[in-house]
Amino acid sequence: MANWYGSARSNYFAVKDEAAFRAWAAKRGLEVWEEMEEKPADGKDPRKLFGVAPDDAVNDSGGWPTVDFGADEDNDEVDLVAELAELIQDDQIVVFEQIGSEKLRYLNGHATAFNSAGERIDLDLDDIYDKAKRRFNVTAITLAQY
C-alpha cells in the first residue's frame, strides 16, 4: 500500500492580531510567510499580509492538519477554516489549496475559500466528473484511478 503525499498552501491575507495569528499557526504546525500588500486601490497604507502552509518538519504528509495530536488522548479534529476565520480582517478572503497523490492510483485536489464570518465555498478536483456528465450529456465516465 502506498502513502499519500501532498502539498498545500494558502494565498496571502491580512490578520487582526499578528501575535495571535502566529501563536495559532505555531500550534497547528504551519509555516508562516509574509509580504507587504501592494498599494491598495482604496488609497490606504499597505498592510502586512501572511500566507501559511503545513510545516514539513511537523507534518510529513504535506496536507493541511486535520487532527490535534495534543497532550490529551482524544486527538480532536481540527477545523482550520473556523479557527483562521476568527483571526483574519473582515475584508479578507483566504484560499486554502491542497493537492496530493497516492502514487498514480489516486490524484486529488481541493480548494476552500472563506471569509471572516466563516462562510466558505469548496471545490474538489473530482467535481469534473459531474460537470462533464452534465456538459456532454452522458451518465458515466471512468475514473482517473486504478
C-alpha atoms as a PDB file:
ATOM      1  CA  MET A   1       0.000   0.000   0.000  1.00  0.00           C
ATOM      2  CA  ALA A   2       1.310   3.418  -0.960  1.00  0.00           C
ATOM      3  CA  ASN A   3       1.319   6.520   1.208  1.00  0.00           C
ATOM      4  CA  TRP A   4      -0.468   9.735   0.300  1.00  0.00           C
ATOM      5  CA  TYR A   5       1.816  12.734  -0.206  1.00  0.00           C
ATOM      6  CA  GLY A   6       0.559  16.220  -0.727  1.00  0.00           C
ATOM      7  CA  SER A   7       1.326  19.881  -0.980  1.00  0.00           C
ATOM      8  CA  ALA A   8      -0.785  22.668   0.444  1.00  0.00           C
ATOM      9  CA  ARG A   9      -0.639  26.422   0.754  1.00  0.00           C
ATOM     10  CA  SER A  10      -2.805  29.491   1.154  1.00  0.00           C
ATOM     11  CA  ASN A  11      -2.974  32.819  -0.567  1.00  0.00           C
ATOM     12  CA  TYR A  12      -1.837  35.948   1.301  1.00  0.00           C
ATOM     13  CA  PHE A  13      -4.229  37.700   3.702  1.00  0.00           C
ATOM     14  CA  ALA A  14      -4.336  40.343   6.456  1.00  0.00           C
ATOM     15  CA  VAL A  15      -4.948  39.420  10.096  1.00  0.00           C
ATOM     16  CA  LYS A  16      -6.410  41.321  13.049  1.00  0.00           C
ATOM     17  CA  ASP A  17      -3.641  40.470  15.543  1.00  0.00           C
ATOM     18  CA  GLU A  18      -0.259  39.257  14.294  1.00  0.00           C
ATOM     19  CA  ALA A  19       0.809  37.744  17.631  1.00  0.00           C
ATOM     20  CA  ALA A  20      -2.426  35.737  17.983  1.00  0.00           C
ATOM     21  CA  PHE A  21      -2.145  34.598  14.371  1.00  0.00           C
ATOM     22  CA  ARG A  22       1.465  33.450  14.784  1.00  0.00           C
ATOM     23  CA  ALA A  23       0.592  31.593  18.010  1.00  0.00           C
ATOM     24  CA  TRP A  24      -2.262  29.813  16.197  1.00  0.00           C
ATOM     25  CA  ALA A  25      -0.015  28.888  13.247  1.00  0.00           C
ATOM     26  CA  ALA A  26       2.659  27.504  15.586  1.00  0.00           C
ATOM     27  CA  LYS A  27       0.047  25.464  17.486  1.00  0.00           C
ATOM     28  CA  ARG A  28      -1.211  23.973  14.202  1.00  0.00           C
ATOM     29  CA  GLY A  29       2.266  23.246  12.805  1.00  0.00           C
ATOM     30  CA  LEU A  30       2.029  25.781   9.999  1.00  0.00           C
ATOM     31  CA  GLU A  31       4.840  27.631   8.315  1.00  0.00           C
ATOM     32  CA  VAL A  32       4.145  31.379   8.013  1.00  0.00           C
ATOM     33  CA  TRP A  33       5.203  33.670   5.167  1.00  0.00           C
ATOM     34  CA  GLU A  34       4.785  37.395   4.991  1.00  0.00           C
ATOM     35  CA  GLU A  35       4.859  40.140   2.401  1.00  0.00           C
ATOM     36  CA  MET A  36       3.631  43.696   2.115  1.00  0.00           C
ATOM     37  CA  GLU A  37       0.421  44.420   0.277  1.00  0.00           C
ATOM     38  CA  GLU A  38       0.809  46.342  -2.945  1.00  0.00           C
ATOM     39  CA  LYS A  39      -0.690  49.825  -2.857  1.00  0.00           C
ATOM     40  CA  PRO A  40      -4.397  49.210  -2.140  1.00  0.00           C
ATOM     41  CA  ALA A  41      -6.930  50.636  -4.608  1.00  0.00           C
ATOM     42  CA  ASP A  42      -8.693  52.492  -1.755  1.00  0.00           C
ATOM     43  CA  GLY A  43      -5.576  54.629  -1.162  1.00  0.00           C
ATOM     44  CA  LYS A  44      -4.944  53.298   2.356  1.00  0.00           C
ATOM     45  CA  ASP A  45      -1.471  52.336   3.529  1.00  0.00           C
ATOM     46  CA  PRO A  46      -0.280  48.849   2.524  1.00  0.00           C
ATOM     47  CA  ARG A  47      -0.769  46.129   5.143  1.00  0.00           C
ATOM     48  CA  LYS A  48       1.419  43.208   6.095  1.00  0.00           C
ATOM     49  CA  LEU A  49      -0.022  40.035   4.556  1.00  0.00           C
ATOM     50  CA  PHE A  50       0.524  36.443   5.635  1.00  0.00           C
ATOM     51  CA  GLY A  51       0.366  33.064   3.959  1.00  0.00           C
ATOM     52  CA  VAL A  52       0.526  29.614   5.537  1.00  0.00           C
ATOM     53  CA  ALA A  53       1.452  26.076   4.581  1.00  0.00           C
ATOM     54  CA  PRO A  54       1.925  22.853   6.520  1.00  0.00           C
ATOM     55  CA  ASP A  55       5.415  22.766   8.048  1.00  0.00           C
ATOM     56  CA  ASP A  56       7.217  19.712   6.632  1.00  0.00           C
ATOM     57  CA  ALA A  57       9.154  19.355   9.890  1.00  0.00           C
ATOM     58  CA  VAL A  58       5.878  18.819  11.766  1.00  0.00           C
ATOM     59  CA  ASN A  59       3.614  17.251   9.145  1.00  0.00           C
ATOM     60  CA  ASP A  60       5.260  14.732   6.841  1.00  0.00           C
ATOM     61  CA  SER A  61       2.232  14.194   4.572  1.00  0.00           C
ATOM     62  CA  GLY A  62       2.247  17.747   3.204  1.00  0.00           C
ATOM     63  CA  GLY A  63      -1.507  18.202   3.707  1.00  0.00           C
ATOM     64  CA  TRP A  64      -3.456  20.517   5.989  1.00  0.00           C
ATOM     65  CA  PRO A  65      -3.591  19.219   9.567  1.00  0.00           C
ATOM     66  CA  THR A  66      -6.972  17.710  10.443  1.00  0.00           C
ATOM     67  CA  VAL A  67      -6.258  16.293  13.904  1.00  0.00           C
ATOM     68  CA  ASP A  68      -4.791  17.880  17.041  1.00  0.00           C
ATOM     69  CA  PHE A  69      -2.302  15.415  18.472  1.00  0.00           C
ATOM     70  CA  GLY A  70      -2.125  17.375  21.720  1.00  0.00           C
ATOM     71  CA  ALA A  71      -1.423  16.299  25.266  1.00  0.00           C
ATOM     72  CA  ASP A  72      -4.800  14.580  25.680  1.00  0.00           C
ATOM     73  CA  GLU A  73      -5.511  11.203  24.143  1.00  0.00           C
ATOM     74  CA  ASP A  74      -8.636  12.313  22.265  1.00  0.00           C
ATOM     75  CA  ASN A  75      -6.828  13.515  19.114  1.00  0.00           C
ATOM     76  CA  ASP A  76      -9.535  16.092  18.461  1.00  0.00           C
ATOM     77  CA  GLU A  77     -10.445  17.077  14.924  1.00  0.00           C
ATOM     78  CA  VAL A  78      -9.197  20.462  13.771  1.00  0.00           C
ATOM     79  CA  ASP A  79     -11.254  22.970  11.754  1.00  0.00           C
ATOM     80  CA  LEU A  80      -8.571  25.277  10.362  1.00  0.00           C
ATOM     81  CA  VAL A  81     -11.154  27.304   8.449  1.00  0.00           C
ATOM     82  CA  ALA A  82     -13.201  28.150  11.555  1.00  0.00           C
ATOM     83  CA  GLU A  83     -10.079  28.907  13.576  1.00  0.00           C
ATOM     84  CA  LEU A  84      -8.446  31.161  10.980  1.00  0.00           C
ATOM     85  CA  ALA A  85     -11.720  32.902  10.079  1.00  0.00           C
ATOM     86  CA  GLU A  86     -11.707  34.437  13.563  1.00  0.00           C
ATOM     87  CA  LEU A  87      -8.206  35.840  13.029  1.00  0.00           C
ATOM     88  CA  ILE A  88      -8.460  37.469   9.578  1.00  0.00           C
ATOM     89  CA  GLN A  89      -9.557  41.012   8.875  1.00  0.00           C
ATOM     90  CA  ASP A  90     -13.177  41.427   7.830  1.00  0.00           C
ATOM     91  CA  ASP A  91     -12.408  42.365   4.209  1.00  0.00           C
ATOM     92  CA  GLN A  92     -10.212  39.322   3.555  1.00  0.00           C
ATOM     93  CA  ILE A  93     -10.815  36.084   1.666  1.00  0.00           C
ATOM     94  CA  VAL A  94      -8.485  33.186   2.415  1.00  0.00           C
ATOM     95  CA  VAL A  95      -7.966  30.365  -0.059  1.00  0.00           C
ATOM     96  CA  PHE A  96      -6.565  27.016   1.058  1.00  0.00           C
ATOM     97  CA  GLU A  97      -5.349  24.795  -1.770  1.00  0.00           C
ATOM     98  CA  GLN A  98      -4.198  21.196  -1.439  1.00  0.00           C
ATOM     99  CA  ILE A  99      -3.082  18.624  -3.991  1.00  0.00           C
ATOM    100  CA  GLY A 100      -1.767  15.140  -3.469  1.00  0.00           C
ATOM    101  CA  SER A 101      -1.429  11.616  -4.695  1.00  0.00           C
ATOM    102  CA  GLU A 102      -1.076   8.048  -3.645  1.00  0.00           C
ATOM    103  CA  LYS A 103       1.453   7.187  -6.348  1.00  0.00           C
ATOM    104  CA  LEU A 104      -0.671   7.276  -9.536  1.00  0.00           C
ATOM    105  CA  ARG A 105      -3.548   5.358  -8.024  1.00  0.00           C
ATOM    106  CA  TYR A 106      -5.306   8.467  -6.777  1.00  0.00           C
ATOM    107  CA  LEU A 107      -4.675  12.088  -7.670  1.00  0.00           C
ATOM    108  CA  ASN A 108      -6.702  14.618  -5.754  1.00  0.00           C
ATOM    109  CA  GLY A 109      -7.016  18.308  -5.238  1.00  0.00           C
ATOM    110  CA  HIS A 110      -9.209  20.523  -3.125  1.00  0.00           C
ATOM    111  CA  ALA A 111      -9.615  24.252  -2.568  1.00  0.00           C
ATOM    112  CA  THR A 112     -11.602  26.141   0.046  1.00  0.00           C
ATOM    113  CA  ALA A 113     -12.242  29.882   0.081  1.00  0.00           C
ATOM    114  CA  PHE A 114     -13.633  31.561   3.202  1.00  0.00           C
ATOM    115  CA  ASN A 115     -14.188  34.906   4.886  1.00  0.00           C
ATOM    116  CA  SER A 116     -14.049  36.201   8.454  1.00  0.00           C
ATOM    117  CA  ALA A 117     -17.655  35.106   9.070  1.00  0.00           C
ATOM    118  CA  GLY A 118     -16.647  31.504   8.349  1.00  0.00           C
ATOM    119  CA  GLU A 119     -18.694  31.389   5.142  1.00  0.00           C
ATOM    120  CA  ARG A 120     -16.997  29.031   2.733  1.00  0.00           C
ATOM    121  CA  ILE A 121     -17.060  27.545  -0.711  1.00  0.00           C
ATOM    122  CA  ASP A 122     -15.320  24.317  -1.661  1.00  0.00           C
ATOM    123  CA  LEU A 123     -14.065  22.946  -4.934  1.00  0.00           C
ATOM    124  CA  ASP A 124     -12.803  19.418  -5.458  1.00  0.00           C
ATOM    125  CA  LEU A 125     -10.858  18.154  -8.460  1.00  0.00           C
ATOM    126  CA  ASP A 126     -13.301  15.252  -8.701  1.00  0.00           C
ATOM    127  CA  ASP A 127     -16.102  17.769  -9.411  1.00  0.00           C
ATOM    128  CA  ILE A 128     -15.020  17.484 -13.052  1.00  0.00           C
ATOM    129  CA  TYR A 129     -16.911  14.201 -13.406  1.00  0.00           C
ATOM    130  CA  ASP A 130     -20.323  15.692 -12.595  1.00  0.00           C
ATOM    131  CA  LYS A 131     -19.608  18.770 -14.696  1.00  0.00           C
ATOM    132  CA  ALA A 132     -18.559  16.639 -17.672  1.00  0.00           C
ATOM    133  CA  LYS A 133     -21.630  14.395 -17.360  1.00  0.00           C
ATOM    134  CA  ARG A 134     -23.898  17.456 -17.492  1.00  0.00           C
ATOM    135  CA  ARG A 135     -21.964  19.234 -20.249  1.00  0.00           C
ATOM    136  CA  PHE A 136     -21.627  16.199 -22.542  1.00  0.00           C
ATOM    137  CA  ASN A 137     -24.950  14.598 -21.568  1.00  0.00           C
ATOM    138  CA  VAL A 138     -23.530  11.233 -20.511  1.00  0.00           C
ATOM    139  CA  THR A 139     -24.341   9.107 -17.467  1.00  0.00           C
ATOM    140  CA  ALA A 140     -20.967   7.508 -16.754  1.00  0.00           C
ATOM    141  CA  ILE A 141     -17.287   8.365 -17.049  1.00  0.00           C
ATOM    142  CA  THR A 142     -14.456   6.096 -15.928  1.00  0.00           C
ATOM    143  CA  LEU A 143     -12.394   7.474 -13.054  1.00  0.00           C
ATOM    144  CA  ALA A 144      -8.785   8.544 -13.475  1.00  0.00           C
ATOM    145  CA  GLN A 145      -7.558   5.951 -10.986  1.00  0.00           C
ATOM    146  CA  TYR A 146      -6.893   2.247 -10.674  1.00  0.00           C
END
